[in-house]
Amino acid sequence: MSAPIKDFNDLKFLQQKLKAEEEVRVAEAAARQLRAEQAERDANVFRKSVGNIQPLVSPSKKK
């Protein structure tokens, strides 16, 4: 549990701390989004470079 808030200076400090934490969360979310977009682009490049494929047929499934 955090220390009790005794005056407005404590509130100001808490506000600044919460704002800094929110900025970190926003930056992390943006970084995650960029990584997800890059992974999707990489996957699309791979799919396009491989081209059309024919799935392997298992001998047990042929029957």
N, C-alpha and C. Protein backbone atom coordinates (compact mmCIF):
# COMPACT_ATOMS: atom_id res chain seq x y z
N MET A 1 0.84 -1.17 0.00
CA MET A 1 0.00 0.00 0.00
C MET A 1 0.89 1.24 0.00
N SER A 2 0.49 2.25 -0.73
CA SER A 2 1.30 3.46 -0.83
C SER A 2 1.06 4.36 0.38
N ALA A 3 1.96 5.33 0.51
CA ALA A 3 1.87 6.27 1.62
C ALA A 3 0.63 7.15 1.45
N PRO A 4 0.04 7.57 2.56
CA PRO A 4 -1.15 8.42 2.45
C PRO A 4 -0.80 9.78 1.85
N ILE A 5 -1.74 10.35 1.14
CA ILE A 5 -1.55 11.66 0.51
C ILE A 5 -1.91 12.72 1.55
N LYS A 6 -0.94 13.60 1.82
CA LYS A 6 -1.14 14.58 2.89
C LYS A 6 -1.41 16.00 2.39
N ASP A 7 -0.93 16.32 1.19
CA ASP A 7 -1.16 17.68 0.69
C ASP A 7 -1.16 17.66 -0.84
N PHE A 8 -1.31 18.85 -1.41
CA PHE A 8 -1.40 18.97 -2.86
C PHE A 8 -0.10 18.61 -3.56
N ASN A 9 1.04 18.80 -2.89
CA ASN A 9 2.31 18.42 -3.50
C ASN A 9 2.36 16.91 -3.73
N ASP A 10 1.81 16.16 -2.78
CA ASP A 10 1.74 14.71 -2.95
C ASP A 10 0.85 14.35 -4.13
N LEU A 11 -0.25 15.07 -4.28
CA LEU A 11 -1.15 14.83 -5.41
C LEU A 11 -0.47 15.15 -6.73
N LYS A 12 0.28 16.24 -6.75
CA LYS A 12 0.99 16.64 -7.96
C LYS A 12 2.02 15.58 -8.34
N PHE A 13 2.75 15.08 -7.34
CA PHE A 13 3.73 14.04 -7.58
C PHE A 13 3.04 12.78 -8.12
N LEU A 14 1.92 12.41 -7.53
CA LEU A 14 1.18 11.24 -7.98
C LEU A 14 0.69 11.42 -9.41
N GLN A 15 0.22 12.62 -9.73
CA GLN A 15 -0.24 12.90 -11.08
C GLN A 15 0.90 12.75 -12.09
N GLN A 16 2.06 13.28 -11.75
CA GLN A 16 3.22 13.18 -12.63
C GLN A 16 3.65 11.73 -12.81
N LYS A 17 3.63 10.97 -11.71
CA LYS A 17 4.01 9.56 -11.77
C LYS A 17 3.04 8.78 -12.66
N LEU A 18 1.75 9.02 -12.49
CA LEU A 18 0.75 8.32 -13.31
C LEU A 18 0.87 8.70 -14.79
N LYS A 19 1.16 9.97 -15.05
CA LYS A 19 1.33 10.41 -16.43
C LYS A 19 2.54 9.74 -17.06
N ALA A 20 3.62 9.64 -16.33
CA ALA A 20 4.83 8.99 -16.84
C ALA A 20 4.56 7.51 -17.11
N GLU A 21 3.84 6.85 -16.21
CA GLU A 21 3.51 5.44 -16.42
C GLU A 21 2.62 5.26 -17.64
N GLU A 22 1.69 6.17 -17.86
CA GLU A 22 0.80 6.09 -19.02
C GLU A 22 1.60 6.29 -20.31
N GLU A 23 2.56 7.21 -20.30
CA GLU A 23 3.40 7.42 -21.48
C GLU A 23 4.21 6.18 -21.80
N VAL A 24 4.70 5.49 -20.78
CA VAL A 24 5.44 4.25 -21.00
C VAL A 24 4.52 3.19 -21.61
N ARG A 25 3.30 3.07 -21.08
CA ARG A 25 2.35 2.09 -21.61
C ARG A 25 2.01 2.39 -23.06
N VAL A 26 1.82 3.65 -23.39
CA VAL A 26 1.50 4.03 -24.77
C VAL A 26 2.67 3.71 -25.70
N ALA A 27 3.88 4.01 -25.25
CA ALA A 27 5.06 3.73 -26.07
C ALA A 27 5.24 2.23 -26.27
N GLU A 28 5.01 1.44 -25.23
CA GLU A 28 5.11 -0.01 -25.35
C GLU A 28 4.05 -0.56 -26.29
N ALA A 29 2.85 -0.03 -26.22
CA ALA A 29 1.78 -0.48 -27.12
C ALA A 29 2.12 -0.15 -28.56
N ALA A 30 2.68 1.03 -28.79
CA ALA A 30 3.07 1.41 -30.15
C ALA A 30 4.18 0.50 -30.67
N ALA A 31 5.13 0.16 -29.81
CA ALA A 31 6.21 -0.73 -30.21
C ALA A 31 5.67 -2.12 -30.53
N ARG A 32 4.73 -2.61 -29.71
CA ARG A 32 4.11 -3.92 -29.99
C ARG A 32 3.39 -3.90 -31.33
N GLN A 33 2.68 -2.82 -31.60
CA GLN A 33 1.95 -2.69 -32.86
C GLN A 33 2.92 -2.70 -34.05
N LEU A 34 4.03 -1.98 -33.93
CA LEU A 34 5.02 -1.96 -35.01
C LEU A 34 5.61 -3.34 -35.23
N ARG A 35 5.91 -4.07 -34.13
CA ARG A 35 6.46 -5.42 -34.29
C ARG A 35 5.44 -6.35 -34.95
N ALA A 36 4.17 -6.22 -34.58
CA ALA A 36 3.14 -7.06 -35.18
C ALA A 36 2.99 -6.76 -36.67
N GLU A 37 3.02 -5.48 -37.04
CA GLU A 37 2.92 -5.11 -38.44
C GLU A 37 4.12 -5.62 -39.22
N GLN A 38 5.33 -5.52 -38.64
CA GLN A 38 6.52 -6.02 -39.32
C GLN A 38 6.45 -7.53 -39.48
N ALA A 39 5.98 -8.23 -38.48
CA ALA A 39 5.85 -9.69 -38.58
C ALA A 39 4.86 -10.06 -39.68
N GLU A 40 3.78 -9.32 -39.80
CA GLU A 40 2.80 -9.59 -40.86
C GLU A 40 3.41 -9.34 -42.24
N ARG A 41 4.17 -8.25 -42.38
CA ARG A 41 4.83 -7.98 -43.66
C ARG A 41 5.83 -9.08 -44.00
N ASP A 42 6.60 -9.51 -43.00
CA ASP A 42 7.57 -10.58 -43.23
C ASP A 42 6.87 -11.88 -43.65
N ALA A 43 5.77 -12.19 -43.00
CA ALA A 43 5.02 -13.40 -43.35
C ALA A 43 4.48 -13.31 -44.77
N ASN A 44 4.00 -12.14 -45.15
CA ASN A 44 3.49 -11.97 -46.52
C ASN A 44 4.61 -12.10 -47.55
N VAL A 45 5.78 -11.57 -47.25
CA VAL A 45 6.92 -11.70 -48.17
C VAL A 45 7.25 -13.18 -48.33
N PHE A 46 7.25 -13.91 -47.23
CA PHE A 46 7.56 -15.34 -47.30
C PHE A 46 6.51 -16.06 -48.14
N ARG A 47 5.24 -15.81 -47.89
CA ARG A 47 4.18 -16.48 -48.63
C ARG A 47 4.28 -16.18 -50.13
N LYS A 48 4.56 -14.93 -50.47
CA LYS A 48 4.66 -14.56 -51.89
C LYS A 48 5.90 -15.18 -52.54
N SER A 49 6.98 -15.28 -51.80
CA SER A 49 8.21 -15.84 -52.39
C SER A 49 8.10 -17.35 -52.57
N VAL A 50 7.35 -18.02 -51.73
CA VAL A 50 7.19 -19.47 -51.85
C VAL A 50 6.27 -19.79 -53.01
N GLY A 51 5.25 -19.01 -53.21
CA GLY A 51 4.31 -19.24 -54.31
C GLY A 51 3.31 -20.33 -54.00
N ASN A 52 2.69 -20.84 -55.03
CA ASN A 52 1.69 -21.89 -54.85
C ASN A 52 2.37 -23.20 -54.49
N ILE A 53 1.80 -23.88 -53.55
CA ILE A 53 2.34 -25.17 -53.13
C ILE A 53 1.23 -26.21 -53.17
N GLN A 54 1.63 -27.45 -53.25
CA GLN A 54 0.67 -28.53 -53.20
C GLN A 54 0.92 -29.29 -51.90
N PRO A 55 -0.10 -29.46 -51.09
CA PRO A 55 0.10 -30.17 -49.82
C PRO A 55 0.54 -31.61 -50.06
N LEU A 56 1.36 -32.12 -49.15
CA LEU A 56 1.78 -33.51 -49.22
C LEU A 56 0.61 -34.40 -48.82
N VAL A 57 0.50 -35.54 -49.48
CA VAL A 57 -0.57 -36.48 -49.18
C VAL A 57 0.04 -37.62 -48.38
N SER A 58 -0.50 -37.86 -47.23
CA SER A 58 -0.03 -38.93 -46.38
C SER A 58 -0.53 -40.27 -46.92
N PRO A 59 0.32 -41.29 -46.96
CA PRO A 59 -0.12 -42.61 -47.46
C PRO A 59 -1.32 -43.15 -46.68
N SER A 60 -1.39 -42.87 -45.41
CA SER A 60 -2.50 -43.38 -44.60
C SER A 60 -3.81 -42.66 -44.95
N LYS A 61 -3.73 -41.48 -45.48
CA LYS A 61 -4.93 -40.73 -45.84
C LYS A 61 -5.37 -41.01 -47.27
N LYS A 62 -4.51 -41.65 -48.06
CA LYS A 62 -4.85 -41.95 -49.46
C LYS A 62 -5.98 -42.97 -49.55
N LYS A 63 -6.04 -43.88 -48.63
CA LYS A 63 -7.00 -44.99 -48.67
C LYS A 63 -8.39 -44.55 -48.49
